[in-house]
Protein backbone atom coordinates (compact mmCIF):
# COMPACT_ATOMS: atom_id res chain seq x y z
CA MET A 1 135.77 12.23 -62.59
CA PRO A 2 138.00 15.26 -63.02
CA ASP A 3 137.70 17.93 -65.64
CA TYR A 4 140.84 17.41 -67.71
CA GLY A 5 140.69 21.02 -68.92
CA ARG A 6 140.75 20.14 -72.60
CA PRO A 7 139.00 22.34 -75.19
CA VAL A 8 135.38 21.36 -75.77
CA ARG A 9 134.74 20.30 -79.36
CA PHE A 10 131.76 19.13 -81.39
CA GLY A 11 131.02 17.22 -84.55
CA VAL A 12 128.48 15.21 -86.50
CA PHE A 13 128.02 11.48 -87.07
CA PRO A 14 126.19 11.09 -90.41
CA THR A 15 124.93 7.68 -91.51
CA PRO A 16 126.88 6.90 -94.71
CA GLU A 17 123.97 5.49 -96.72
CA ALA A 18 124.43 5.70 -100.47
CA VAL A 19 120.84 6.87 -100.99
CA ALA A 20 121.41 9.71 -98.49
CA LEU A 21 124.62 11.09 -100.01
CA ASP A 22 123.18 14.58 -100.49
CA GLU A 23 122.14 14.67 -96.85
CA VAL A 24 125.55 13.40 -95.68
CA LEU A 25 127.31 16.14 -97.64
CA ALA A 26 124.83 18.73 -96.37
CA LEU A 27 125.64 17.73 -92.79
CA ALA A 28 129.36 18.02 -93.55
CA ARG A 29 128.80 21.51 -94.95
CA VAL A 30 126.92 22.57 -91.83
CA ALA A 31 129.75 21.27 -89.64
CA ASP A 32 132.30 23.06 -91.82
CA GLN A 33 130.48 26.38 -91.94
CA GLU A 34 129.06 26.54 -88.40
CA ASN A 35 132.22 26.14 -86.31
CA LEU A 36 132.00 22.44 -85.51
CA GLU A 37 135.28 20.58 -85.46
CA TYR A 38 134.66 17.04 -86.73
CA VAL A 39 132.82 14.74 -89.08
CA GLY A 40 133.02 11.14 -87.82
CA ILE A 41 132.00 8.36 -90.23
CA GLN A 42 131.36 4.77 -89.16
CA ASP A 43 133.21 1.98 -90.97
CA HIS A 44 131.14 -1.12 -91.75
CA PRO A 45 132.30 -2.28 -95.21
CA TYR A 46 129.90 -5.27 -95.18
CA GLN A 47 126.84 -3.03 -94.81
CA ARG A 48 125.39 -3.13 -98.32
CA ARG A 49 123.61 0.22 -98.02
CA PHE A 50 126.72 2.10 -96.93
CA LEU A 51 129.25 3.88 -99.07
CA ASP A 52 132.86 2.95 -98.50
CA THR A 53 133.98 5.01 -95.52
CA TRP A 54 137.38 5.97 -96.93
CA MET A 55 136.01 7.10 -100.26
CA LEU A 56 133.34 9.12 -98.47
CA MET A 57 135.85 10.71 -96.09
CA ALA A 58 137.99 11.76 -99.04
CA THR A 59 134.93 13.30 -100.69
CA VAL A 60 133.93 15.15 -97.52
CA LEU A 61 137.45 16.53 -97.15
CA ALA A 62 137.45 17.66 -100.79
CA LYS A 63 134.14 19.47 -100.35
CA THR A 64 134.97 21.23 -97.07
CA GLU A 65 137.62 23.73 -96.01
CA ARG A 66 137.96 23.72 -92.22
CA VAL A 67 136.36 20.71 -90.50
CA SER A 68 138.41 17.61 -89.64
CA VAL A 69 137.31 14.09 -90.52
CA PHE A 70 137.93 10.70 -88.90
CA PRO A 71 136.72 7.09 -89.20
CA ASP A 72 134.45 6.46 -86.23
CA VAL A 73 136.02 3.86 -86.03
CA ALA A 74 138.06 2.01 -88.71
CA ASN A 75 137.36 -1.72 -89.00
CA LEU A 76 140.75 -3.31 -88.30
CA PRO A 77 139.82 -6.90 -89.30
CA LEU A 78 139.16 -5.66 -92.83
CA ARG A 79 141.76 -2.87 -93.00
CA PRO A 80 145.36 -3.84 -92.10
CA PRO A 81 147.12 -1.15 -90.06
CA ALA A 82 149.98 -0.58 -92.52
CA VAL A 83 147.46 0.21 -95.25
CA LEU A 84 145.42 2.34 -92.83
CA ALA A 85 148.57 4.29 -92.00
CA LYS A 86 149.22 5.14 -95.64
CA SER A 87 145.56 5.98 -96.32
CA ALA A 88 145.30 8.18 -93.23
CA ALA A 89 148.54 10.01 -93.93
CA SER A 90 147.52 10.53 -97.55
CA LEU A 91 144.20 12.08 -96.53
CA ASP A 92 146.02 14.29 -94.03
CA VAL A 93 148.40 15.51 -96.72
CA LEU A 94 145.62 16.05 -99.26
CA SER A 95 143.48 17.98 -96.76
CA GLY A 96 146.23 20.08 -95.22
CA GLY A 97 146.12 18.38 -91.83
CA ARG A 98 142.39 17.75 -91.32
CA PHE A 99 142.37 14.02 -90.59
CA GLU A 100 142.47 11.93 -87.41
CA LEU A 101 142.52 8.13 -87.14
CA GLY A 102 139.96 6.20 -85.11
CA LEU A 103 140.51 2.43 -84.74
CA GLY A 104 138.30 -0.43 -83.57
CA ALA A 105 138.74 -4.16 -83.02
CA GLY A 106 135.74 -4.96 -85.17
CA ALA A 107 132.36 -6.53 -84.52
CA PHE A 108 129.65 -8.37 -86.49
CA TRP A 109 132.04 -11.25 -87.06
CA GLU A 110 129.77 -13.21 -89.41
CA ALA A 111 129.65 -10.19 -91.72
CA VAL A 112 133.42 -9.68 -91.44
CA GLU A 113 133.99 -13.34 -92.31
CA ALA A 114 131.53 -13.15 -95.21
CA MET A 115 133.63 -10.34 -96.69
CA GLY A 116 136.85 -12.33 -96.45
CA GLY A 117 138.05 -11.18 -93.06
CA PRO A 118 138.90 -13.36 -90.04
CA ARG A 119 136.28 -14.63 -87.65
CA ARG A 120 137.44 -14.09 -84.07
CA SER A 121 135.98 -14.89 -80.69
CA PRO A 122 135.61 -12.00 -78.21
CA GLY A 123 138.85 -13.04 -76.56
CA GLU A 124 140.67 -13.21 -79.87
CA ALA A 125 139.26 -9.80 -80.81
CA VAL A 126 140.87 -8.35 -77.68
CA ASP A 127 144.14 -10.04 -78.59
CA ALA A 128 143.86 -8.56 -82.06
CA LEU A 129 143.36 -5.13 -80.58
CA VAL A 130 146.36 -5.67 -78.33
CA GLU A 131 148.20 -6.39 -81.53
CA ALA A 132 146.53 -3.36 -83.08
CA ILE A 133 147.77 -1.24 -80.22
CA GLU A 134 151.12 -2.65 -81.07
CA ALA A 135 149.86 -1.75 -84.53
CA ILE A 136 149.85 1.80 -83.24
CA GLU A 137 153.57 1.15 -83.38
CA VAL A 138 153.09 -0.25 -86.90
CA ILE A 139 151.18 2.86 -87.92
CA ARG A 140 153.71 5.18 -86.36
CA LEU A 141 156.54 3.23 -87.99
CA MET A 142 154.76 3.76 -91.31
CA TRP A 143 154.72 7.50 -90.54
CA SER A 144 158.40 7.59 -89.57
CA ASP A 145 161.33 8.90 -91.55
CA ASP A 146 163.17 5.58 -91.28
CA ARG A 147 164.42 4.10 -94.55
CA SER A 148 162.65 0.80 -93.86
CA VAL A 149 160.69 -0.67 -90.94
CA ARG A 150 159.95 -4.11 -89.54
CA PHE A 151 157.34 -5.45 -87.13
CA ASP A 152 156.66 -9.07 -86.24
CA GLY A 153 153.39 -9.64 -84.39
CA ARG A 154 150.74 -12.28 -84.04
CA TYR A 155 148.31 -10.64 -86.47
CA TYR A 156 150.35 -8.00 -88.31
CA ARG A 157 153.85 -7.83 -89.69
CA LEU A 158 156.10 -5.51 -91.64
CA ALA A 159 159.04 -7.03 -93.48
CA GLY A 160 161.33 -4.16 -94.39
CA VAL A 161 158.68 -1.93 -95.92
CA LYS A 162 159.64 1.62 -96.85
CA PRO A 163 157.37 3.98 -94.86
CA GLY A 164 155.60 7.13 -95.96
CA PRO A 165 154.10 9.55 -96.56
CA GLN A 166 154.07 11.31 -93.22
CA PRO A 167 151.02 13.20 -91.92
CA VAL A 168 151.37 16.96 -92.06
CA HIS A 169 150.16 17.42 -88.47
CA PRO A 170 150.52 15.34 -85.28
CA MET A 171 147.66 12.97 -86.12
CA GLY A 172 145.76 11.43 -83.22
CA ILE A 173 145.17 7.69 -82.99
CA TRP A 174 141.90 7.14 -81.12
CA LEU A 175 140.50 3.78 -80.00
CA GLY A 176 136.81 2.82 -79.85
CA VAL A 177 136.96 0.17 -77.11
CA ALA A 178 135.04 -0.86 -73.99
CA GLY A 179 136.70 -3.73 -72.07
CA ARG A 180 138.97 -3.35 -69.07
CA ARG A 181 142.03 -4.61 -70.94
CA THR A 182 141.42 -2.44 -73.96
CA LEU A 183 140.66 0.65 -71.87
CA ALA A 184 144.02 0.12 -70.18
CA LEU A 185 145.59 0.02 -73.63
CA VAL A 186 144.06 3.42 -74.36
CA GLY A 187 145.76 4.77 -71.27
CA ARG A 188 149.11 3.26 -72.18
CA ALA A 189 149.33 3.93 -75.89
CA ALA A 190 146.53 5.89 -77.57
CA ASP A 191 145.86 9.57 -78.15
CA GLY A 192 142.12 9.31 -77.59
CA TRP A 193 139.13 7.19 -76.61
CA VAL A 194 135.96 7.01 -78.75
CA PRO A 195 133.02 5.50 -76.83
CA SER A 196 129.36 5.67 -77.84
CA SER A 197 126.56 6.63 -75.46
CA GLY A 198 124.61 3.51 -76.42
CA TRP A 199 127.08 1.24 -74.60
CA ALA A 200 129.17 3.70 -72.59
CA THR A 201 126.22 5.33 -70.85
CA PRO A 202 126.94 8.37 -68.66
CA GLU A 203 126.76 6.34 -65.43
CA LYS A 204 129.47 4.00 -66.77
CA LEU A 205 131.91 6.75 -67.73
CA PRO A 206 133.54 7.28 -64.31
CA GLU A 207 134.72 3.67 -64.02
CA MET A 208 135.80 3.49 -67.66
CA ASN A 209 137.71 6.77 -67.51
CA ALA A 210 139.32 5.71 -64.24
CA ARG A 211 140.66 2.57 -65.92
CA ILE A 212 142.20 4.68 -68.69
CA ASP A 213 143.68 7.13 -66.20
CA GLU A 214 145.19 4.43 -63.98
CA ALA A 215 146.92 2.87 -66.97
CA ALA A 216 148.10 6.26 -68.23
CA VAL A 217 149.65 7.17 -64.88
CA ALA A 218 151.28 3.74 -64.62
CA ALA A 219 152.82 4.33 -68.04
CA GLY A 220 154.11 7.76 -67.01
CA ARG A 221 151.51 9.66 -69.05
CA ASP A 222 149.29 12.57 -68.08
CA PRO A 223 145.64 11.40 -68.48
CA ALA A 224 144.77 14.88 -69.76
CA VAL A 225 146.66 14.25 -73.01
CA ILE A 226 144.06 11.61 -73.97
CA ALA A 227 141.05 12.95 -75.89
CA ARG A 228 137.62 11.64 -74.80
CA VAL A 229 135.41 11.63 -77.92
CA TYR A 230 131.77 10.75 -77.17
CA ASN A 231 129.34 9.61 -79.87
CA VAL A 232 125.82 10.65 -78.86
CA TRP A 233 122.33 10.43 -80.33
CA GLY A 234 119.26 12.46 -79.50
CA LYS A 235 116.69 15.02 -80.53
CA ILE A 236 116.58 18.66 -79.54
CA ASP A 237 113.11 19.34 -78.13
CA GLY A 238 112.43 15.62 -77.88
CA THR A 239 110.13 13.89 -75.45
CA GLY A 240 112.44 13.77 -72.44
CA GLY A 241 115.33 11.67 -71.20
CA PHE A 242 119.05 11.92 -71.93
CA LEU A 243 119.60 14.34 -74.85
CA GLN A 244 115.90 14.42 -75.62
CA GLY A 245 114.83 17.70 -74.03
CA GLY A 246 115.14 21.37 -74.85
CA VAL A 247 118.34 23.29 -75.57
CA ALA A 248 118.89 24.17 -71.91
CA GLN A 249 118.80 20.48 -70.97
CA TRP A 250 121.30 19.62 -73.72
CA VAL A 251 123.63 22.37 -72.54
CA ASP A 252 123.45 21.22 -68.92
CA GLU A 253 123.98 17.57 -69.83
CA PHE A 254 126.99 18.26 -72.06
CA THR A 255 128.46 20.60 -69.45
CA ALA A 256 128.16 17.88 -66.81
CA LEU A 257 129.74 15.34 -69.17
CA SER A 258 132.67 17.74 -69.62
CA VAL A 259 133.33 18.99 -66.10
CA GLU A 260 132.23 15.91 -64.13
CA HIS A 261 133.08 13.04 -66.49
CA GLY A 262 135.98 14.44 -68.49
CA MET A 263 134.45 14.08 -71.96
CA ASP A 264 135.74 16.81 -74.24
CA THR A 265 134.39 16.08 -77.73
CA PHE A 266 130.78 15.30 -78.68
CA ILE A 267 129.92 13.72 -82.03
CA PHE A 268 126.17 14.14 -82.62
CA GLY A 269 124.06 11.65 -84.55
CA PRO A 270 120.71 13.39 -85.14
CA ALA A 271 117.76 11.03 -84.55
CA GLU A 272 115.57 12.71 -87.17
CA ASP A 273 115.47 15.78 -89.44
CA PRO A 274 119.29 15.63 -89.43
CA VAL A 275 120.21 18.86 -91.21
CA ARG A 276 117.86 21.05 -89.18
CA GLN A 277 118.82 19.33 -85.94
CA LEU A 278 122.51 19.84 -86.67
CA GLN A 279 121.95 23.50 -87.51
CA ARG A 280 120.31 23.99 -84.10
CA PHE A 281 123.03 21.95 -82.42
CA ALA A 282 125.71 24.16 -83.96
CA ALA A 283 123.90 27.47 -83.38
CA GLU A 284 122.27 26.93 -79.99
CA VAL A 285 123.89 24.04 -78.13
CA ALA A 286 127.61 24.01 -78.94
CA PRO A 287 128.42 27.69 -78.22
CA ALA A 288 126.38 27.64 -75.02
CA VAL A 289 128.22 24.53 -73.79
CA ARG A 290 131.58 26.10 -74.58
CA GLU A 291 130.62 29.21 -72.60
CA GLN A 292 129.16 27.29 -69.66
CA VAL A 293 132.22 25.03 -69.39
CA ALA A 294 134.52 28.07 -69.59
CA ARG A 295 132.49 29.84 -66.90
CA HIS A 296 132.67 26.76 -64.66
CA ARG A 297 136.43 26.56 -65.11
CA ARG A 298 136.88 30.23 -64.26
CA THR A 299 135.18 29.67 -60.92
CA GLN A 300 137.33 26.71 -59.89
CA PRO A 301 140.35 27.20 -57.64
CA SER A 302 143.67 26.93 -59.45
CA GLY A 303 145.91 23.96 -58.76
C-alpha cells in the first residue's frame, strides 16, 4: 500500500472503568503533556463497569488543554445521529476545537437490545450503517447553517429540526468498520477509518485499504484525505511478537505500518502498567517513529 504522506499521530485508548477513573485521567494527562494527539474512548453503554463515554470525554476535555478526544467508536444503535451531532458539536465548542467523531454500527446485539436498543442481524447492521453513512449527511445537516433540515431514511429521520450548534473546527467523521460494503462507504463518504489490530491485523490492511481507496477514487476523492486511525495493543519490552518487543521493534513496526500500509494514527491500549507504558510510548516510541517516517519520506523520489 502507498504512503499517503499524512502526518503521523499518536494517542491512547484507556479502558473507561469506573473503578479506574484516576488511572484514565492520568493517561489523559500524559497524552496532553507529552505531545500525543488523541484520547480515544470506547463506547459500550451496556457494560456495567464502564463510565458513560460522553460524560467521560467531557471530563477529559475539561481536565486537559491540548489533546483531542474522540469516541472510539460511538454506538449508533443506542445514540441517534442527530443527538450525536449536537453532543459532538457541543464538546467541540466547549473544548475550543478538540473533538472528533468516531462512529460504529454496533455489536453485542443482546446487550444493545437489553438496554432498549434494536436487535439487528449482521446484514441489518450493515444496512443501518449505510443509513448511518447517510446519517453522515444527517450529522452534517445538523452542523449546517440552514434554518431547518429534513432527512427521511430507513432508520433515521429529521422532520424540520433546527440545526446547531456548529463545530468550531472542521470535525472529522471516522468510521470503525470492517466489511467490504462498509469499507467502500468509508471511501465514498467518511473522513477517516478506525480499525483495531485485533480484527484488522497488519496482513489484512492492504486489501482493506485498497477497498477504501477504490471507492474513494470512484467517488472523485483523493484517498489521502481519509485518515487511517489504528487501535493497537501491546507491551514495550514484552515477550516478542507484534508490538511486544523492545522500543526499536515498535519503531520499525509503526514505521512499516505508516509507509507500507498507509496507517497514519496509532491509538495505544497499554496491556499492563498503563501509565508507565504510555510515558515510554510518548517519550521513546512516538518521536522516533515520526523521525523515521520523515527520514523515509525524504529519501523517496518526488512525484
